[in-house]
Protein backbone atom coordinates (compact mmCIF):
# COMPACT_ATOMS: atom_id res chain seq x y z
CA MET A 1 53.36 -2.92 -36.55
CA SER A 2 51.94 -5.35 -33.98
CA LEU A 3 52.83 -6.32 -30.41
CA ARG A 4 52.66 -9.90 -29.15
CA PHE A 5 53.31 -11.32 -25.71
CA SER A 6 53.83 -14.85 -24.42
CA LEU A 7 53.56 -16.29 -20.92
CA MET A 8 54.60 -19.79 -21.98
CA GLY A 9 58.26 -20.07 -21.05
CA PRO A 10 59.88 -16.81 -19.88
CA VAL A 11 57.70 -13.72 -20.23
CA ARG A 12 58.50 -12.45 -23.73
CA ALA A 13 57.34 -9.76 -26.15
CA TRP A 14 57.76 -9.09 -29.87
CA ARG A 15 57.32 -6.02 -32.03
CA ASP A 16 56.37 -7.63 -35.34
CA ASP A 17 59.13 -10.30 -35.60
CA GLU A 18 61.69 -8.55 -33.37
CA GLU A 19 61.91 -9.62 -29.72
CA ILE A 20 61.84 -6.83 -27.13
CA ASP A 21 64.19 -6.73 -24.13
CA LEU A 22 61.86 -6.74 -21.10
CA GLY A 23 64.52 -6.14 -18.47
CA PRO A 24 65.23 -7.99 -15.19
CA ARG A 25 63.11 -10.69 -13.55
CA GLN A 26 61.03 -8.44 -11.28
CA GLN A 27 60.20 -6.13 -14.16
CA ARG A 28 59.03 -9.15 -16.15
CA ALA A 29 56.99 -10.21 -13.11
CA VAL A 30 55.16 -6.86 -13.10
CA LEU A 31 54.39 -7.22 -16.82
CA ALA A 32 53.28 -10.84 -16.28
CA ALA A 33 50.84 -9.79 -13.54
CA LEU A 34 49.32 -7.22 -15.91
CA LEU A 35 49.07 -9.75 -18.75
CA LEU A 36 47.45 -12.36 -16.51
CA ASN A 37 44.74 -9.75 -15.81
CA ASN A 38 44.52 -8.44 -19.38
CA GLY A 39 41.92 -5.67 -19.62
CA LEU A 40 41.29 -5.47 -15.85
CA ARG A 41 42.22 -2.53 -13.62
CA LEU A 42 44.70 -3.46 -10.89
CA SER A 43 45.48 -1.18 -7.96
CA ASN A 44 49.03 -0.59 -6.76
CA GLU A 45 48.31 -2.72 -3.70
CA GLN A 46 47.02 -5.64 -5.79
CA LEU A 47 50.06 -5.55 -8.06
CA VAL A 48 52.46 -5.41 -5.12
CA ARG A 49 50.83 -8.49 -3.53
CA MET A 50 51.04 -10.34 -6.85
CA VAL A 51 54.71 -9.61 -7.47
CA TRP A 52 56.10 -9.78 -3.90
CA ASP A 53 55.09 -12.40 -1.31
CA ASP A 54 56.56 -10.31 1.51
CA PRO A 55 56.63 -6.71 0.22
CA THR A 56 58.77 -4.04 1.87
CA PRO A 57 57.62 -0.41 2.30
CA SER A 58 59.58 0.51 -0.83
CA ALA A 59 57.64 -1.95 -3.03
CA VAL A 60 55.22 0.68 -4.37
CA MET A 61 58.12 2.90 -5.43
CA ALA A 62 59.80 -0.09 -7.08
CA LEU A 63 56.53 -0.88 -8.87
CA ARG A 64 56.34 2.65 -10.30
CA THR A 65 59.95 2.39 -11.45
CA TYR A 66 59.21 -0.86 -13.27
CA MET A 67 56.11 0.66 -14.88
CA TYR A 68 58.23 3.54 -16.17
CA LYS A 69 60.81 1.14 -17.60
CA ILE A 70 58.13 -1.05 -19.23
CA ARG A 71 56.65 2.00 -20.94
CA LYS A 72 60.11 3.10 -22.05
CA ALA A 73 60.85 -0.33 -23.54
CA ILE A 74 57.41 -0.54 -25.24
CA PRO A 75 56.19 3.04 -25.83
CA GLU A 76 53.26 1.87 -27.98
CA LEU A 77 51.93 -0.38 -25.19
CA ASP A 78 48.27 0.25 -24.26
CA LEU A 79 49.05 0.64 -20.53
CA ARG A 80 46.83 3.14 -18.75
CA SER A 81 47.17 4.50 -15.22
CA LYS A 82 44.24 5.99 -13.32
CA ASP A 83 43.31 6.49 -9.67
CA GLY A 84 46.33 4.65 -8.32
CA GLY A 85 45.95 1.63 -10.61
CA TYR A 86 46.88 0.26 -14.02
CA THR A 87 45.07 -1.39 -16.94
CA LEU A 88 46.80 -3.22 -19.79
CA GLN A 89 45.22 -4.22 -23.12
CA ALA A 90 47.44 -6.59 -25.10
CA GLU A 91 47.44 -9.66 -27.35
CA VAL A 92 48.87 -12.70 -25.57
CA PHE A 93 50.22 -15.40 -27.89
CA ASP A 94 50.84 -18.84 -26.40
CA ASP A 95 52.87 -21.38 -28.36
CA CYS A 96 52.37 -24.08 -25.68
CA ARG A 97 55.88 -25.48 -25.95
CA ASP A 98 57.50 -24.37 -22.69
CA GLU A 99 56.74 -24.26 -18.98
CA PRO A 100 54.56 -21.21 -18.25
CA LEU A 101 55.98 -18.20 -16.37
CA ALA A 102 59.47 -19.70 -16.35
CA GLY A 103 61.84 -17.92 -13.98
CA LEU A 104 59.11 -16.18 -11.94
CA THR A 105 58.72 -17.06 -8.26
CA GLY A 106 56.08 -16.39 -5.61
CA SER A 107 52.75 -17.89 -4.62
CA TYR A 108 50.74 -15.85 -7.12
CA PHE A 109 52.75 -17.07 -10.09
CA GLU A 110 52.90 -20.65 -8.77
CA ALA A 111 49.09 -20.79 -8.70
CA HIS A 112 48.87 -19.46 -12.23
CA ARG A 113 51.62 -21.81 -13.36
CA VAL A 114 49.36 -24.76 -12.52
CA ARG A 115 46.41 -23.22 -14.39
CA LEU A 116 48.53 -22.27 -17.39
CA GLY A 117 50.17 -25.69 -17.31
CA ASN A 118 46.76 -27.31 -17.81
CA GLU A 119 46.00 -24.78 -20.53
CA ARG A 120 49.37 -25.51 -22.12
CA LEU A 121 48.57 -29.23 -22.17
CA ARG A 122 45.16 -28.59 -23.73
CA CYS A 123 46.70 -26.21 -26.27
CA ARG A 124 49.42 -28.73 -27.11
CA GLU A 125 46.85 -31.44 -27.74
CA ILE A 126 44.82 -29.13 -29.97
CA PHE A 127 48.00 -28.61 -32.01
CA LEU A 128 48.65 -32.36 -32.13
CA GLU A 129 45.07 -33.01 -33.24
CA ARG A 130 45.49 -30.47 -36.01
CA GLU A 131 48.78 -31.88 -37.30
CA LEU A 132 48.41 -35.62 -36.51
CA ASP A 133 52.20 -36.02 -36.64
CA VAL A 134 53.03 -39.60 -35.56
CA LEU A 135 56.46 -38.79 -34.09
CA GLU A 136 55.20 -35.81 -32.06
CA LEU A 137 52.21 -37.83 -30.83
CA GLN A 138 54.47 -40.71 -29.78
CA LYS A 139 56.58 -38.28 -27.72
CA HIS A 140 53.47 -36.81 -26.09
CA VAL A 141 51.97 -40.22 -25.30
CA ALA A 142 55.28 -41.29 -23.72
CA ALA A 143 55.22 -38.16 -21.52
CA TYR A 144 51.53 -38.58 -20.55
CA PRO A 145 50.84 -42.32 -20.87
CA LEU A 146 47.47 -42.29 -19.04
CA ARG A 147 45.85 -39.52 -21.12
CA GLU A 148 43.34 -41.16 -23.45
CA HIS A 149 42.75 -38.36 -25.96
CA PRO A 150 46.34 -38.17 -27.29
CA ARG A 151 46.41 -41.98 -27.48
CA ALA A 152 43.28 -41.86 -29.65
CA LEU A 153 44.96 -39.21 -31.82
CA LEU A 154 48.02 -41.44 -32.22
CA MET A 155 45.75 -44.30 -33.34
CA ARG A 156 44.17 -42.00 -35.93
CA ALA A 157 47.56 -40.81 -37.18
CA LEU A 158 48.91 -44.35 -37.52
CA TYR A 159 45.76 -45.46 -39.34
CA ARG A 160 46.04 -42.50 -41.71
CA ASP A 161 49.63 -43.56 -42.52
CA GLY A 162 48.49 -47.09 -43.37
CA ARG A 163 49.79 -48.58 -40.09
CA GLN A 164 46.56 -50.24 -38.99
CA VAL A 165 48.21 -53.01 -36.93
CA GLU A 166 50.24 -50.48 -34.92
CA ALA A 167 47.11 -48.39 -34.36
CA LEU A 168 45.31 -51.42 -32.89
CA GLU A 169 48.35 -52.25 -30.75
CA GLN A 170 48.12 -48.78 -29.21
CA PHE A 171 44.58 -49.57 -28.06
CA HIS A 172 45.59 -52.86 -26.43
CA GLU A 173 48.63 -51.25 -24.79
CA MET A 174 46.46 -48.47 -23.36
CA ARG A 175 43.84 -50.96 -22.18
CA ALA A 176 46.45 -52.98 -20.29
CA LEU A 177 47.97 -49.83 -18.77
CA LEU A 178 44.60 -48.54 -17.53
CA ASN A 179 43.75 -51.95 -16.06
CA ASP A 180 47.10 -52.28 -14.28
CA GLU A 181 47.37 -48.71 -13.00
CA LEU A 182 43.77 -47.72 -12.32
CA GLY A 183 41.61 -50.81 -12.73
CA LEU A 184 39.68 -49.11 -15.54
CA GLU A 185 38.63 -49.88 -19.10
CA PRO A 186 39.27 -47.45 -22.01
CA GLY A 187 36.78 -44.61 -22.33
CA PRO A 188 34.25 -43.96 -25.12
CA GLU A 189 36.64 -42.09 -27.44
CA LEU A 190 39.27 -44.84 -27.49
CA ARG A 191 36.66 -47.58 -27.89
CA GLU A 192 34.99 -45.74 -30.77
CA VAL A 193 38.28 -45.20 -32.65
CA HIS A 194 39.18 -48.88 -32.08
CA GLU A 195 35.83 -50.08 -33.45
CA GLN A 196 35.98 -47.74 -36.45
CA ILE A 197 39.45 -49.05 -37.35
CA LEU A 198 38.22 -52.66 -37.09
CA ARG A 199 35.28 -51.85 -39.39
CA GLY A 200 37.42 -49.78 -41.77
CA GLU A 201 35.14 -46.78 -41.17
CA LEU A 202 37.53 -44.33 -39.51
CA THR A 203 37.35 -40.94 -41.23
CA LEU A 204 39.74 -38.11 -40.47
CA PRO A 205 38.43 -34.55 -40.11
CA ARG A 206 39.22 -32.09 -42.88
CA ARG A 207 41.16 -29.06 -41.68
CA PRO A 208 40.76 -26.20 -44.15
CA GLU A 209 43.75 -23.95 -44.81
CA GLN A 210 42.35 -21.62 -47.45
CA LEU A 211 43.92 -18.32 -46.43
CA PRO A 212 45.69 -16.88 -49.51
CA PRO A 213 49.39 -16.00 -49.22
CA GLY A 214 50.04 -12.63 -47.65
CA VAL A 215 51.42 -9.67 -49.62
CA GLU A 216 55.17 -9.59 -48.99
CA ASP A 217 55.42 -5.80 -49.33
CA PHE A 218 52.31 -5.04 -47.25
CA THR A 219 52.63 -1.53 -45.85
CA GLY A 220 50.86 0.58 -43.24
CA ARG A 221 47.37 0.19 -41.70
CA THR A 222 48.90 -0.06 -38.21
CA ALA A 223 45.90 1.37 -36.34
CA GLU A 224 43.44 -0.84 -38.22
CA ILE A 225 45.53 -3.96 -37.58
CA GLU A 226 45.77 -3.24 -33.87
CA GLN A 227 42.01 -2.66 -33.67
CA ALA A 228 41.34 -5.94 -35.47
CA LEU A 229 43.70 -7.88 -33.19
CA ARG A 230 41.90 -6.46 -30.15
CA THR A 231 38.48 -7.27 -31.60
CA LEU A 232 38.90 -10.85 -32.83
CA PRO A 233 37.36 -13.38 -32.34
CA ARG A 234 34.43 -10.95 -32.43
CA THR A 235 33.50 -9.93 -35.97
CA VAL A 236 35.66 -7.39 -37.84
CA GLY A 237 34.43 -5.61 -40.98
CA ILE A 238 36.74 -3.78 -43.42
CA ALA A 239 35.05 -1.26 -45.72
CA GLY A 240 36.61 0.88 -48.43
CA MET A 241 36.49 1.79 -52.10
CA HIS A 242 37.77 -0.52 -54.81
CA GLY A 243 41.58 -0.50 -54.86
CA SER A 244 42.01 0.46 -51.19
CA GLY A 245 43.52 -2.91 -50.25
CA LYS A 246 40.67 -4.42 -48.22
CA THR A 247 41.46 -8.00 -49.19
CA ALA A 248 45.20 -7.58 -48.61
CA LEU A 249 44.50 -6.15 -45.15
CA ALA A 250 42.07 -8.97 -44.27
CA VAL A 251 44.57 -11.63 -45.38
CA HIS A 252 47.40 -9.89 -43.51
CA ILE A 253 45.33 -9.85 -40.32
CA GLY A 254 44.41 -13.48 -40.93
CA HIS A 255 48.04 -14.57 -41.02
CA LEU A 256 48.79 -12.62 -37.83
CA VAL A 257 46.04 -14.39 -35.86
CA LYS A 258 45.72 -17.82 -37.49
CA HIS A 259 47.58 -19.44 -34.58
CA ARG A 260 44.55 -18.51 -32.44
CA PHE A 261 42.25 -20.60 -34.66
CA PRO A 262 43.68 -24.13 -34.73
CA ASP A 263 40.70 -25.75 -36.47
CA GLY A 264 41.46 -24.00 -39.75
CA GLN A 265 41.10 -20.90 -41.87
CA ILE A 266 38.36 -20.54 -44.48
CA PHE A 267 38.39 -17.91 -47.24
CA VAL A 268 35.22 -17.40 -49.28
CA ARG A 269 33.87 -14.83 -51.69
CA GLY A 270 30.71 -13.00 -50.71
CA HIS A 271 28.18 -15.25 -52.48
CA ASP A 272 26.34 -18.20 -50.86
CA VAL A 273 28.65 -17.95 -47.87
CA ALA A 274 27.05 -20.67 -45.72
CA ASN A 275 27.28 -23.21 -48.55
CA GLU A 276 30.99 -22.45 -49.07
CA LEU A 277 31.72 -22.74 -45.35
CA LEU A 278 30.06 -26.16 -45.23
CA ARG A 279 32.00 -27.33 -48.28
CA ALA A 280 35.22 -26.26 -46.56
CA VAL A 281 34.51 -28.63 -43.65
CA GLY A 282 33.49 -31.54 -45.88
CA VAL A 283 29.72 -31.11 -46.22
CA GLU A 284 28.80 -31.40 -49.89
CA ASN A 285 25.37 -30.42 -51.27
CA PRO A 286 23.84 -29.40 -47.93
CA VAL A 287 20.06 -29.07 -47.67
CA GLY A 288 17.84 -27.21 -45.25
CA ASP A 289 19.00 -24.34 -43.05
CA LYS A 290 22.65 -24.02 -44.08
CA ALA A 291 23.47 -21.39 -41.45
CA ALA A 292 22.15 -23.64 -38.67
CA LEU A 293 24.10 -26.60 -40.06
CA TRP A 294 27.29 -24.50 -40.14
CA ARG A 295 26.79 -23.42 -36.52
CA GLU A 296 26.34 -27.07 -35.55
CA LYS A 297 29.52 -28.11 -37.38
CA ALA A 298 31.55 -25.21 -35.94
CA ARG A 299 30.26 -25.43 -32.36
CA GLY A 300 33.13 -25.92 -29.91
CA LYS A 301 35.76 -25.28 -32.60
CA ARG A 302 37.87 -22.27 -33.48
CA PHE A 303 37.81 -21.37 -37.16
CA LEU A 304 38.97 -18.15 -38.77
CA VAL A 305 36.58 -17.18 -41.56
CA VAL A 306 37.36 -14.41 -44.06
CA VAL A 307 34.42 -13.37 -46.27
CA ASP A 308 35.76 -11.25 -49.11
CA ASP A 309 33.60 -8.78 -51.06
CA LEU A 310 30.42 -9.28 -49.04
CA GLN A 311 27.39 -8.60 -51.23
CA ASP A 312 24.52 -8.60 -48.73
CA ALA A 313 24.09 -8.67 -44.97
CA ALA A 314 21.70 -11.64 -44.95
CA SER A 315 24.38 -14.04 -46.20
CA VAL A 316 26.43 -13.71 -42.97
CA ARG A 317 23.86 -12.59 -40.40
CA ASP A 318 23.52 -15.96 -38.61
CA LEU A 319 26.99 -17.43 -39.20
CA HIS A 320 29.04 -16.22 -36.23
CA VAL A 321 29.96 -18.98 -33.77
CA PRO A 322 31.46 -18.18 -30.33
CA GLY A 323 35.19 -18.87 -30.37
CA SER A 324 35.53 -18.56 -34.14
CA GLY A 325 36.68 -15.34 -35.80
CA LEU A 326 34.92 -13.63 -38.71
CA VAL A 327 36.51 -10.97 -40.95
CA LEU A 328 34.36 -9.29 -43.61
CA THR A 329 35.42 -7.06 -46.50
CA SER A 330 32.98 -4.93 -48.46
CA VAL A 331 32.82 -1.71 -50.42
CA ARG A 332 30.06 -0.48 -48.12
CA ARG A 333 29.48 -0.84 -44.40
CA TRP A 334 26.57 -3.14 -43.59
CA ASN A 335 25.45 -1.24 -40.50
CA GLU A 336 22.41 -3.48 -40.09
CA LEU A 337 24.71 -6.31 -38.95
CA SER A 338 24.98 -6.38 -35.16
CA GLY A 339 28.22 -7.05 -33.30
CA VAL A 340 30.56 -5.94 -36.12
CA THR A 341 33.49 -3.60 -35.50
CA TRP A 342 33.88 -1.75 -38.80
CA LEU A 343 37.23 -0.42 -40.01
CA THR A 344 36.94 2.06 -42.88
CA ILE A 345 40.04 2.44 -45.04
CA ALA A 346 40.87 4.83 -47.87
CA GLY A 347 44.28 5.67 -49.32
CA LEU A 348 47.47 5.10 -47.38
CA SER A 349 48.89 7.98 -45.39
CA VAL A 350 51.41 10.08 -47.30
CA PRO A 351 54.47 8.48 -45.58
CA GLU A 352 53.00 4.99 -46.04
CA ALA A 353 52.30 5.63 -49.74
CA HIS A 354 55.91 6.76 -50.28
CA GLU A 355 57.17 3.73 -48.35
CA PHE A 356 55.03 1.38 -50.45
CA PHE A 357 56.09 3.00 -53.73
CA GLY A 358 59.71 2.53 -52.60
CA LYS A 359 59.08 -1.20 -52.20
CA VAL A 360 57.64 -1.53 -55.71
CA VAL A 361 60.25 0.67 -57.42
CA ASP A 362 63.98 0.80 -56.71
CA PRO A 363 64.25 3.83 -54.34
CA ALA A 364 67.45 4.92 -56.10
CA ARG A 365 65.38 5.72 -59.21
CA THR A 366 63.01 8.04 -57.35
CA ALA A 367 65.32 9.68 -54.80
CA GLU A 368 66.04 12.72 -56.99
CA GLU A 369 62.38 13.45 -57.82
CA PRO A 370 60.52 13.41 -54.45
CA GLU A 371 58.12 16.20 -55.42
CA LEU A 372 57.14 14.42 -58.63
CA VAL A 373 56.68 11.14 -56.74
CA ALA A 374 54.33 12.98 -54.38
CA ARG A 375 52.30 14.24 -57.37
CA VAL A 376 52.07 10.75 -58.86
CA LEU A 377 50.83 9.28 -55.58
CA ALA A 378 48.37 12.13 -54.97
CA ARG A 379 46.80 11.64 -58.41
CA VAL A 380 45.71 8.14 -57.37
CA SER A 381 44.68 9.27 -53.86
CA HIS A 382 47.44 7.11 -52.32
CA LEU A 383 45.47 3.92 -53.05
CA PRO A 384 47.61 0.75 -52.91
CA THR A 385 46.34 -0.99 -56.07
CA PRO A 386 47.05 1.84 -58.56
CA ILE A 387 50.33 2.62 -56.76
CA ARG A 388 51.44 -0.97 -57.38
CA VAL A 389 50.50 -0.74 -61.07
CA LEU A 390 52.30 2.58 -61.54
CA GLY A 391 55.37 1.29 -59.72
CA GLY A 392 55.39 -1.79 -61.92
CA LYS A 393 55.09 0.41 -65.01
CA LEU A 394 58.09 2.50 -63.95
CA SER A 395 60.13 -0.60 -63.06
CA SER A 396 59.46 -2.06 -66.51
CA ARG A 397 60.82 1.10 -68.17
CA PRO A 398 64.43 1.34 -66.92
CA ARG A 399 65.12 4.52 -68.92
CA TRP A 400 62.04 6.37 -67.69
CA THR A 401 62.12 9.02 -64.98
CA VAL A 402 59.26 9.81 -62.62
CA ALA A 403 58.68 12.96 -64.68
CA MET A 404 58.08 10.82 -67.77
CA LEU A 405 55.60 8.63 -65.86
CA LEU A 406 53.75 11.69 -64.61
CA ARG A 407 53.68 13.20 -68.09
CA GLN A 408 52.05 10.06 -69.47
CA MET A 409 49.50 10.08 -66.63
CA GLU A 410 48.60 13.69 -67.42
CA ARG A 411 48.10 13.09 -71.14
CA GLY A 412 44.41 12.49 -71.53
CA THR A 413 44.97 11.32 -75.09
CA VAL A 414 46.29 7.98 -73.91
CA LEU A 415 42.78 7.15 -72.77
CA GLY A 416 41.19 7.25 -76.17
CA GLU A 417 39.67 4.33 -78.01
CA ALA A 418 42.85 2.22 -77.76
CA VAL A 419 43.57 2.13 -74.03
CA PRO A 420 47.00 0.79 -73.00
CA SER A 421 46.75 -2.21 -70.68
CA ASP A 422 48.66 -0.47 -67.89
CA CYS A 423 46.22 2.46 -67.96
CA ARG A 424 43.35 0.01 -67.69
CA ALA A 425 45.07 -1.59 -64.71
CA VAL A 426 45.61 1.73 -62.92
CA LEU A 427 41.95 2.64 -63.31
CA ALA A 428 40.52 -0.89 -62.91
CA PRO A 429 39.20 -0.25 -59.36
CA MET A 430 37.29 2.79 -60.62
CA VAL A 431 35.95 0.89 -63.63
CA GLU A 432 34.53 -1.72 -61.25
CA ALA A 433 32.99 1.00 -59.07
CA ASP A 434 31.57 2.74 -62.16
CA ARG A 435 29.71 -0.41 -63.24
CA GLN A 436 27.72 -0.39 -60.01
CA LEU A 437 26.57 3.25 -60.24
CA THR A 438 23.19 4.50 -61.34
CA GLY A 439 22.93 6.98 -64.19
CA GLU A 440 22.15 9.83 -61.77
CA GLN A 441 25.17 9.04 -59.59
CA ARG A 442 27.44 8.84 -62.64
CA HIS A 443 26.12 12.18 -63.93
CA LEU A 444 26.99 13.87 -60.63
CA LEU A 445 30.57 12.61 -60.69
CA ASP A 446 30.93 13.59 -64.36
CA CYS A 447 29.87 17.13 -63.43
CA PHE A 448 32.33 17.33 -60.53
CA ALA A 449 35.16 16.09 -62.75
CA ARG A 450 34.42 18.59 -65.54
CA GLN A 451 34.43 21.47 -63.05
CA GLY A 452 37.46 20.18 -61.09
CA ALA A 453 35.36 20.35 -57.92
CA GLU A 454 37.33 18.99 -54.97
CA VAL A 455 34.93 19.99 -52.17
CA VAL A 456 31.21 20.49 -52.80
CA ASP A 457 28.13 21.01 -50.70
CA VAL A 458 24.67 19.79 -51.62
CA CYS A 459 23.64 23.17 -53.06
CA GLU A 460 26.74 23.34 -55.27
CA ALA A 461 26.20 19.74 -56.38
CA ALA A 462 22.62 20.56 -57.36
CA ARG A 463 23.76 23.64 -59.31
CA LEU A 464 26.51 21.77 -61.18
CA SER A 465 24.26 18.84 -62.08
CA GLY A 466 21.09 20.81 -62.78
CA GLY A 467 19.14 18.79 -60.22
CA ASP A 468 16.99 19.55 -57.19
CA ILE A 469 18.59 19.67 -53.75
CA SER A 470 16.06 17.16 -52.41
CA ALA A 471 17.09 14.67 -55.12
CA VAL A 472 20.84 15.35 -54.99
CA GLU A 473 21.30 14.86 -51.24
CA PRO A 474 20.41 11.11 -51.20
CA LEU A 475 22.60 10.64 -54.29
CA MET A 476 25.57 12.17 -52.46
CA GLU A 477 24.94 9.97 -49.42
CA ALA A 478 24.81 6.89 -51.65
CA LEU A 479 28.16 7.87 -53.20
CA ALA A 480 29.59 8.35 -49.70
CA ASP A 481 28.43 4.83 -48.75
CA VAL A 482 30.67 3.38 -51.49
CA HIS A 483 33.55 5.82 -50.76
CA LEU A 484 33.42 7.72 -54.06
CA VAL A 485 32.99 10.93 -52.10
CA GLU A 486 34.22 11.56 -48.57
CA PRO A 487 31.64 13.04 -46.16
CA LEU A 488 32.87 16.07 -44.22
CA GLU A 489 30.47 18.03 -42.05
CA LEU A 490 26.75 17.69 -42.76
CA GLY A 491 25.97 18.44 -46.41
CA ARG A 492 29.63 18.84 -47.55
CA TYR A 493 31.77 16.26 -49.34
CA ARG A 494 35.29 15.87 -50.73
CA VAL A 495 35.75 14.25 -54.15
CA PRO A 496 39.04 12.26 -54.16
CA SER A 497 41.50 13.14 -56.92
CA TYR A 498 41.51 9.55 -58.20
CA VAL A 499 37.72 9.71 -58.71
CA ARG A 500 37.91 13.11 -60.43
CA ILE A 501 40.67 11.93 -62.76
CA TYR A 502 38.80 8.80 -63.74
CA PHE A 503 35.58 10.63 -64.58
CA SER A 504 37.42 13.35 -66.48
CA LEU A 505 39.08 10.68 -68.67
CA ARG A 506 36.23 8.17 -68.75
CA SER A 507 35.71 6.63 -72.19
CA PRO A 508 33.81 3.70 -73.74
CA ALA A 509 37.12 1.88 -74.22
CA LEU A 510 37.70 1.91 -70.47
CA THR A 511 34.23 0.85 -69.36
CA SER A 512 33.64 -1.82 -71.99
């Protein structure tokens, strides 16, 4: 669940896609004053002066009443009160289509209306530059006939549509208008576009839109999403074991914030990242310092970059550009990277896992077996990927019950030399993790699985594996780094049920 606010038009708020009733005008004015000072502490006196030009003695009491009603309407709002003041942390989304702060009066809001009006105009022209829609540009040019940048955009859009003569006519029309109204000649941008059209050399910028489609039944991760929305455009990292849904979460976050990055969204795998970023913006076969070239290309722009399955810290260390957002996913946390807010994810919470399973399988089929559903989900540690596979398996067997599915999961014989494809799919995240383990790490997990050890300390791990404590401790820490054991207090670890099950059933047919 995410909260969004807008100051363009009337003050508005949404919880996901549902608009929230913010109450009467003065209550909206209080919220607007907080949003205009997002993240800053405002005293009661400051807020009163912002909302009322000529406050009465009862204004402070009215302010407290409005604060109470705002919190009641939006209980999840990050609104903090301390020492006679308030601080609000929120995401403000501006669609740039309407007059800012519509319906609010007073000198404070009038001053901000002018500032936001200029911001609205700039935001609108960024949108027009991104879309290059001839009709929308013609409307904008008619509304602001002396603004040169949108006129240059209209020339580009007409040229792109094969309307070269009309594009040149726009230049001559603008030139005559500037001469008549201001006694000026067109500026450098208009002259350059005009000359490029005459020479047939006008090239249009490539706007990448590489973000994969979001998962329609995405479930949970509310706290992580809210943290990411607060952090971007600073770098966000998502770490978790295979099958935990890192990529789905990164893509979901990307779709929630892509409106904040009008120059495009770039999605790359974690190999040769700088080269892939440059290809996305039209630079083929780059030579030299690719990271420096990317920073030069991205300077002054707002891109959203998602790097999936990051393999080493060096490949992204010098790629962040102010104003652009960077989201990383990786099995391990790359703590050597500075300026990254890491979100570590594991399985879904128990309610979220049940909710997700109910989206994959018709809830009517599972309603009578809630305890068995809980056992199925627990066996895969509530991880989204195996839950989806198991739900698909059950959906494809209309005569099966949850008890039958659980019975098949518990039969180790199905994981012999001939492994059913659905069993491979359920365990695929663990197979991928297994391939990256050393022999010593694999031996430890085999020992834990054979003994059914759910929680072990370093001494117990050494006893079970026949190793020395000094050698076992770094092995346990390495397993914790890739989320195959969960660190508890110092020297103690939990082995997730999904990991134990995989290593108890591990066979050559699975790992081949």
